[in-house]
Every structure is written in C-alpha cells, then in structure tokens.
Amino acid sequence: LADESGKNSQRLSVSITVNISHEPNVRFFEMPVKIQANVSVETKGIEKGTRCVLYSYDSTEDVPTTPPYDKGYEFMKRFESDGSDNYIFVDPNLFLTNSARYYVAVIESTSAVMEL
C-alpha cells in the first residue's frame, strides 16, 4: 500500500486484551473504571529489524481506512520487529470502560520512518 506521499505502509493484524475481567454496567449506574490495553501486533513472517508503528485512536471517526495512518491519532509507538510472532505493547494511556480505543499497526519503509 502507498499513502499520498508514495511512502509504503502495510497494515498488520492487531488484537488487545484488557487488565480487568468484569466490566461495570454503566446502564445500571455502575461507575466506569480505568482500564489498560495489552496490544498484540502480529509480526510473524516479518523480517527482524523491520520498522513498524502502532497508532491508537479514540474514535472510529479518527481511524483512517487507507494510508496515511498518521492523521488523527492520539498516541503513536514505534518499534522494530524482533523476529518473533508478536510484538506486545502495554499501552500506558488508560481509558474508561464506557469508552473505546482503536489501534492500527503498519510496516513502514525506511523512507517513511522519522527518527524518534
């Protein structure tokens, strides 16, 4: 895939788990609680050292459906594939159980990567 500037970016599969096992029922006036996402990005088959970016968004309206993905995000985490099947990231940005968080992970070409 290429964004408007011609930079390559390929979306990766993302899944999350959260640090609670019971979600308060806000419809019955239970108070929402802060939760933390443990994000797993599938990196199986990606060459070790490949540079990637994980973006988080606070609403579906902010999540781009096509490149570039670096618009409207709330938080960004750059990482390199270490040759394992998954990259695990514990998101330090907590969110409430009555809200949502959305994640997109992409591979970036070296020309698309800015230094941290």
N, C-alpha and C. Protein backbone atom coordinates (compact mmCIF):
# COMPACT_ATOMS: atom_id res chain seq x y z
N LEU A 1 0.84 -1.18 0.00
CA LEU A 1 0.00 0.00 0.00
C LEU A 1 0.87 1.23 0.00
N ALA A 2 0.41 2.29 -0.57
CA ALA A 2 1.16 3.53 -0.56
C ALA A 2 0.25 4.67 -0.15
N ASP A 3 0.77 5.59 0.66
CA ASP A 3 -0.03 6.75 1.04
C ASP A 3 0.13 7.84 0.00
N GLU A 4 -0.44 9.02 0.28
CA GLU A 4 -0.43 10.11 -0.69
C GLU A 4 0.97 10.56 -1.08
N SER A 5 1.94 10.37 -0.19
CA SER A 5 3.30 10.80 -0.48
C SER A 5 4.12 9.71 -1.15
N GLY A 6 3.50 8.53 -1.39
CA GLY A 6 4.21 7.44 -2.02
C GLY A 6 4.96 6.55 -1.04
N LYS A 7 4.84 6.84 0.25
CA LYS A 7 5.51 6.03 1.26
C LYS A 7 4.75 4.72 1.44
N ASN A 8 5.50 3.65 1.55
CA ASN A 8 4.87 2.34 1.72
C ASN A 8 4.44 2.14 3.16
N SER A 9 3.28 1.53 3.34
CA SER A 9 2.84 1.12 4.66
C SER A 9 1.88 -0.05 4.49
N GLN A 10 2.10 -1.08 5.26
CA GLN A 10 1.28 -2.28 5.19
C GLN A 10 0.67 -2.50 6.56
N ARG A 11 -0.64 -2.67 6.62
CA ARG A 11 -1.32 -2.88 7.90
C ARG A 11 -1.01 -4.27 8.44
N LEU A 12 -0.90 -4.34 9.77
CA LEU A 12 -0.65 -5.59 10.48
C LEU A 12 -1.87 -5.92 11.34
N SER A 13 -2.04 -7.19 11.63
CA SER A 13 -3.14 -7.64 12.48
C SER A 13 -2.88 -7.23 13.93
N VAL A 14 -3.91 -6.67 14.59
CA VAL A 14 -3.80 -6.20 15.97
C VAL A 14 -4.92 -6.81 16.79
N SER A 15 -4.60 -7.24 18.01
CA SER A 15 -5.62 -7.68 18.96
C SER A 15 -5.27 -7.12 20.33
N ILE A 16 -6.27 -6.99 21.19
CA ILE A 16 -5.99 -6.48 22.53
C ILE A 16 -6.67 -7.33 23.59
N THR A 17 -6.09 -7.29 24.78
CA THR A 17 -6.73 -7.77 25.99
C THR A 17 -6.66 -6.61 26.97
N VAL A 18 -7.51 -6.65 27.98
CA VAL A 18 -7.51 -5.58 28.98
C VAL A 18 -7.26 -6.18 30.35
N ASN A 19 -6.94 -5.29 31.30
CA ASN A 19 -6.50 -5.74 32.62
C ASN A 19 -7.63 -5.94 33.62
N ILE A 20 -8.87 -6.08 33.14
CA ILE A 20 -9.99 -6.38 34.04
C ILE A 20 -10.75 -7.58 33.49
N SER A 21 -11.45 -8.29 34.38
CA SER A 21 -12.24 -9.43 33.92
C SER A 21 -13.74 -9.15 34.03
N HIS A 22 -14.10 -8.07 34.70
CA HIS A 22 -15.51 -7.68 34.83
C HIS A 22 -15.66 -6.22 34.45
N GLU A 23 -16.57 -5.95 33.54
CA GLU A 23 -16.80 -4.58 33.10
C GLU A 23 -18.03 -4.03 33.82
N PRO A 24 -17.91 -2.87 34.47
CA PRO A 24 -19.06 -2.28 35.15
C PRO A 24 -20.20 -2.00 34.16
N ASN A 25 -21.42 -2.21 34.62
CA ASN A 25 -22.58 -1.97 33.77
C ASN A 25 -23.06 -0.54 34.01
N VAL A 26 -22.61 0.36 33.16
CA VAL A 26 -22.95 1.78 33.34
C VAL A 26 -24.42 2.05 33.08
N ARG A 27 -25.10 1.16 32.40
CA ARG A 27 -26.55 1.33 32.19
C ARG A 27 -27.33 1.13 33.48
N PHE A 28 -26.72 0.46 34.43
CA PHE A 28 -27.33 0.28 35.75
C PHE A 28 -26.58 1.10 36.79
N PHE A 29 -26.01 2.20 36.34
CA PHE A 29 -25.39 3.23 37.19
C PHE A 29 -24.12 2.77 37.91
N GLU A 30 -23.49 1.70 37.43
CA GLU A 30 -22.17 1.35 37.95
C GLU A 30 -21.17 2.32 37.33
N MET A 31 -20.22 2.77 38.10
CA MET A 31 -19.24 3.73 37.63
C MET A 31 -18.23 3.07 36.70
N PRO A 32 -17.89 3.74 35.60
CA PRO A 32 -16.84 3.19 34.72
C PRO A 32 -15.50 3.20 35.46
N VAL A 33 -14.62 2.30 35.07
CA VAL A 33 -13.29 2.24 35.67
C VAL A 33 -12.25 2.39 34.57
N LYS A 34 -11.05 2.81 34.97
CA LYS A 34 -9.96 2.93 34.01
C LYS A 34 -9.39 1.55 33.72
N ILE A 35 -9.12 1.30 32.44
CA ILE A 35 -8.53 0.02 32.03
C ILE A 35 -7.30 0.28 31.17
N GLN A 36 -6.48 -0.76 31.10
CA GLN A 36 -5.26 -0.67 30.31
C GLN A 36 -5.28 -1.76 29.25
N ALA A 37 -4.90 -1.40 28.04
CA ALA A 37 -4.88 -2.35 26.93
C ALA A 37 -3.50 -2.97 26.79
N ASN A 38 -3.48 -4.27 26.62
CA ASN A 38 -2.28 -5.01 26.24
C ASN A 38 -2.46 -5.33 24.76
N VAL A 39 -1.65 -4.69 23.93
CA VAL A 39 -1.82 -4.75 22.49
C VAL A 39 -0.85 -5.76 21.90
N SER A 40 -1.36 -6.65 21.08
CA SER A 40 -0.54 -7.65 20.40
C SER A 40 -0.60 -7.39 18.90
N VAL A 41 0.57 -7.14 18.31
CA VAL A 41 0.67 -6.92 16.87
C VAL A 41 1.32 -8.16 16.26
N GLU A 42 0.65 -8.76 15.29
CA GLU A 42 1.20 -9.96 14.65
C GLU A 42 2.35 -9.57 13.74
N THR A 43 3.53 -10.10 14.06
CA THR A 43 4.73 -9.82 13.27
C THR A 43 5.32 -11.09 12.67
N LYS A 44 4.58 -12.18 12.74
CA LYS A 44 5.03 -13.45 12.19
C LYS A 44 5.36 -13.29 10.71
N GLY A 45 6.55 -13.71 10.32
CA GLY A 45 6.96 -13.65 8.93
C GLY A 45 7.57 -12.33 8.52
N ILE A 46 7.62 -11.38 9.44
CA ILE A 46 8.23 -10.09 9.13
C ILE A 46 9.71 -10.16 9.49
N GLU A 47 10.54 -9.68 8.61
CA GLU A 47 11.98 -9.73 8.82
C GLU A 47 12.39 -8.99 10.09
N LYS A 48 13.29 -9.59 10.84
CA LYS A 48 13.82 -8.96 12.06
C LYS A 48 14.42 -7.59 11.70
N GLY A 49 14.11 -6.60 12.53
CA GLY A 49 14.61 -5.25 12.30
C GLY A 49 13.69 -4.37 11.47
N THR A 50 12.59 -4.94 10.97
CA THR A 50 11.63 -4.15 10.20
C THR A 50 10.98 -3.13 11.12
N ARG A 51 10.96 -1.87 10.66
CA ARG A 51 10.40 -0.79 11.48
C ARG A 51 8.90 -0.70 11.27
N CYS A 52 8.21 -0.59 12.40
CA CYS A 52 6.75 -0.56 12.40
C CYS A 52 6.27 0.57 13.30
N VAL A 53 4.99 0.91 13.16
CA VAL A 53 4.37 1.93 14.00
C VAL A 53 3.00 1.44 14.44
N LEU A 54 2.71 1.63 15.72
CA LEU A 54 1.39 1.34 16.28
C LEU A 54 0.74 2.68 16.62
N TYR A 55 -0.45 2.91 16.06
CA TYR A 55 -1.21 4.13 16.33
C TYR A 55 -2.43 3.77 17.16
N SER A 56 -2.82 4.66 18.08
CA SER A 56 -4.09 4.49 18.78
C SER A 56 -4.97 5.71 18.51
N TYR A 57 -6.25 5.44 18.44
CA TYR A 57 -7.25 6.46 18.15
C TYR A 57 -8.37 6.34 19.17
N ASP A 58 -9.02 7.47 19.46
CA ASP A 58 -10.09 7.47 20.47
C ASP A 58 -11.49 7.36 19.89
N SER A 59 -11.64 7.42 18.58
CA SER A 59 -12.96 7.27 17.99
C SER A 59 -12.86 6.65 16.61
N THR A 60 -13.94 6.03 16.17
CA THR A 60 -13.94 5.41 14.84
C THR A 60 -13.81 6.47 13.76
N GLU A 61 -14.29 7.68 14.03
CA GLU A 61 -14.18 8.76 13.04
C GLU A 61 -12.72 9.13 12.78
N ASP A 62 -11.84 8.93 13.77
CA ASP A 62 -10.44 9.29 13.63
C ASP A 62 -9.60 8.22 12.93
N VAL A 63 -10.09 7.00 12.85
CA VAL A 63 -9.30 5.89 12.29
C VAL A 63 -9.32 5.96 10.76
N PRO A 64 -8.15 6.18 10.14
CA PRO A 64 -8.11 6.20 8.68
C PRO A 64 -8.37 4.81 8.11
N THR A 65 -9.09 4.75 7.02
CA THR A 65 -9.34 3.45 6.38
C THR A 65 -8.28 3.13 5.34
N THR A 66 -7.53 4.15 4.93
CA THR A 66 -6.44 3.99 3.97
C THR A 66 -5.28 4.87 4.41
N PRO A 67 -4.07 4.59 3.91
CA PRO A 67 -2.94 5.45 4.25
C PRO A 67 -3.18 6.89 3.82
N PRO A 68 -2.58 7.84 4.46
CA PRO A 68 -1.66 7.72 5.59
C PRO A 68 -2.40 7.49 6.90
N TYR A 69 -1.79 6.76 7.81
CA TYR A 69 -2.40 6.42 9.10
C TYR A 69 -1.97 7.37 10.20
N ASP A 70 -1.07 8.29 9.89
CA ASP A 70 -0.55 9.19 10.92
C ASP A 70 -1.36 10.48 11.04
N LYS A 71 -2.64 10.41 10.78
CA LYS A 71 -3.54 11.55 10.91
C LYS A 71 -4.58 11.22 11.98
N GLY A 72 -4.80 12.12 12.91
CA GLY A 72 -5.87 11.98 13.89
C GLY A 72 -5.61 11.02 15.02
N TYR A 73 -4.40 10.50 15.13
CA TYR A 73 -4.12 9.55 16.21
C TYR A 73 -3.90 10.29 17.53
N GLU A 74 -4.14 9.56 18.63
CA GLU A 74 -3.92 10.11 19.97
C GLU A 74 -2.53 9.77 20.49
N PHE A 75 -2.02 8.61 20.09
CA PHE A 75 -0.74 8.12 20.60
C PHE A 75 -0.09 7.28 19.51
N MET A 76 1.25 7.31 19.48
CA MET A 76 1.99 6.54 18.49
C MET A 76 3.16 5.86 19.18
N LYS A 77 3.43 4.61 18.83
CA LYS A 77 4.57 3.86 19.36
C LYS A 77 5.32 3.24 18.20
N ARG A 78 6.58 3.62 18.03
CA ARG A 78 7.44 3.00 17.00
C ARG A 78 8.12 1.78 17.61
N PHE A 79 8.30 0.74 16.80
CA PHE A 79 9.00 -0.46 17.26
C PHE A 79 9.61 -1.18 16.07
N GLU A 80 10.56 -2.06 16.36
CA GLU A 80 11.17 -2.90 15.34
C GLU A 80 10.80 -4.35 15.60
N SER A 81 10.53 -5.07 14.54
CA SER A 81 10.25 -6.49 14.66
C SER A 81 11.50 -7.19 15.21
N ASP A 82 11.29 -8.07 16.18
CA ASP A 82 12.44 -8.80 16.75
C ASP A 82 12.51 -10.23 16.23
N GLY A 83 11.72 -10.54 15.21
CA GLY A 83 11.74 -11.88 14.63
C GLY A 83 10.75 -12.83 15.27
N SER A 84 10.03 -12.38 16.32
CA SER A 84 9.05 -13.24 16.97
C SER A 84 7.70 -13.13 16.25
N ASP A 85 6.74 -13.92 16.70
CA ASP A 85 5.42 -13.93 16.06
C ASP A 85 4.59 -12.70 16.40
N ASN A 86 4.85 -12.09 17.57
CA ASN A 86 4.04 -10.96 18.02
C ASN A 86 4.88 -9.92 18.73
N TYR A 87 4.49 -8.68 18.59
CA TYR A 87 5.05 -7.58 19.37
C TYR A 87 3.98 -7.22 20.40
N ILE A 88 4.35 -7.20 21.67
CA ILE A 88 3.41 -6.89 22.74
C ILE A 88 3.72 -5.51 23.29
N PHE A 89 2.69 -4.70 23.42
CA PHE A 89 2.82 -3.35 23.94
C PHE A 89 1.75 -3.13 25.00
N VAL A 90 2.18 -2.73 26.19
CA VAL A 90 1.24 -2.37 27.25
C VAL A 90 1.04 -0.86 27.14
N ASP A 91 -0.16 -0.48 26.72
CA ASP A 91 -0.45 0.93 26.47
C ASP A 91 -0.52 1.69 27.80
N PRO A 92 0.35 2.68 28.01
CA PRO A 92 0.34 3.42 29.27
C PRO A 92 -0.85 4.39 29.37
N ASN A 93 -1.56 4.58 28.28
CA ASN A 93 -2.70 5.51 28.25
C ASN A 93 -3.99 4.77 28.61
N LEU A 94 -4.42 4.93 29.85
CA LEU A 94 -5.63 4.26 30.32
C LEU A 94 -6.86 4.90 29.67
N PHE A 95 -7.92 4.10 29.58
CA PHE A 95 -9.19 4.64 29.10
C PHE A 95 -10.32 4.04 29.91
N LEU A 96 -11.47 4.69 29.90
CA LEU A 96 -12.60 4.26 30.71
C LEU A 96 -13.39 3.15 30.02
N THR A 97 -14.02 2.31 30.84
CA THR A 97 -14.79 1.18 30.31
C THR A 97 -16.02 1.62 29.53
N ASN A 98 -16.44 2.86 29.69
CA ASN A 98 -17.58 3.33 28.90
C ASN A 98 -17.13 4.07 27.64
N SER A 99 -15.87 3.87 27.26
CA SER A 99 -15.33 4.44 26.03
C SER A 99 -14.64 3.33 25.25
N ALA A 100 -13.90 3.71 24.23
CA ALA A 100 -13.22 2.71 23.40
C ALA A 100 -11.88 3.25 22.94
N ARG A 101 -11.02 2.34 22.52
CA ARG A 101 -9.73 2.70 21.94
C ARG A 101 -9.54 1.81 20.73
N TYR A 102 -9.02 2.37 19.66
CA TYR A 102 -8.83 1.66 18.40
C TYR A 102 -7.35 1.71 18.03
N TYR A 103 -6.84 0.62 17.47
CA TYR A 103 -5.42 0.52 17.14
C TYR A 103 -5.22 0.13 15.68
N VAL A 104 -4.19 0.71 15.07
CA VAL A 104 -3.75 0.34 13.73
C VAL A 104 -2.23 0.21 13.79
N ALA A 105 -1.70 -0.89 13.27
CA ALA A 105 -0.25 -1.08 13.20
C ALA A 105 0.14 -1.23 11.73
N VAL A 106 1.25 -0.62 11.38
CA VAL A 106 1.72 -0.66 9.99
C VAL A 106 3.23 -0.89 9.94
N ILE A 107 3.65 -1.49 8.83
CA ILE A 107 5.07 -1.57 8.50
C ILE A 107 5.40 -0.30 7.73
N GLU A 108 6.52 0.29 8.02
CA GLU A 108 6.94 1.48 7.28
C GLU A 108 8.24 1.21 6.55
N SER A 109 8.34 1.76 5.37
CA SER A 109 9.62 1.68 4.64
C SER A 109 10.59 2.64 5.32
N THR A 110 11.88 2.44 5.10
CA THR A 110 12.88 3.31 5.74
C THR A 110 12.71 4.76 5.33
N SER A 111 12.19 5.01 4.13
CA SER A 111 11.99 6.38 3.72
C SER A 111 10.82 7.03 4.44
N ALA A 112 9.92 6.19 5.01
CA ALA A 112 8.74 6.74 5.68
C ALA A 112 8.95 6.93 7.18
N VAL A 113 10.06 6.44 7.72
CA VAL A 113 10.26 6.47 9.17
C VAL A 113 11.01 7.74 9.58
N MET A 114 10.44 8.45 10.51
CA MET A 114 11.12 9.61 11.09
C MET A 114 11.84 9.13 12.35
N GLU A 115 12.94 9.72 12.67
CA GLU A 115 13.65 9.36 13.89
C GLU A 115 12.86 9.81 15.09
N LEU A 116 12.93 9.04 16.16
CA LEU A 116 12.24 9.39 17.40
C LEU A 116 12.89 10.56 18.09
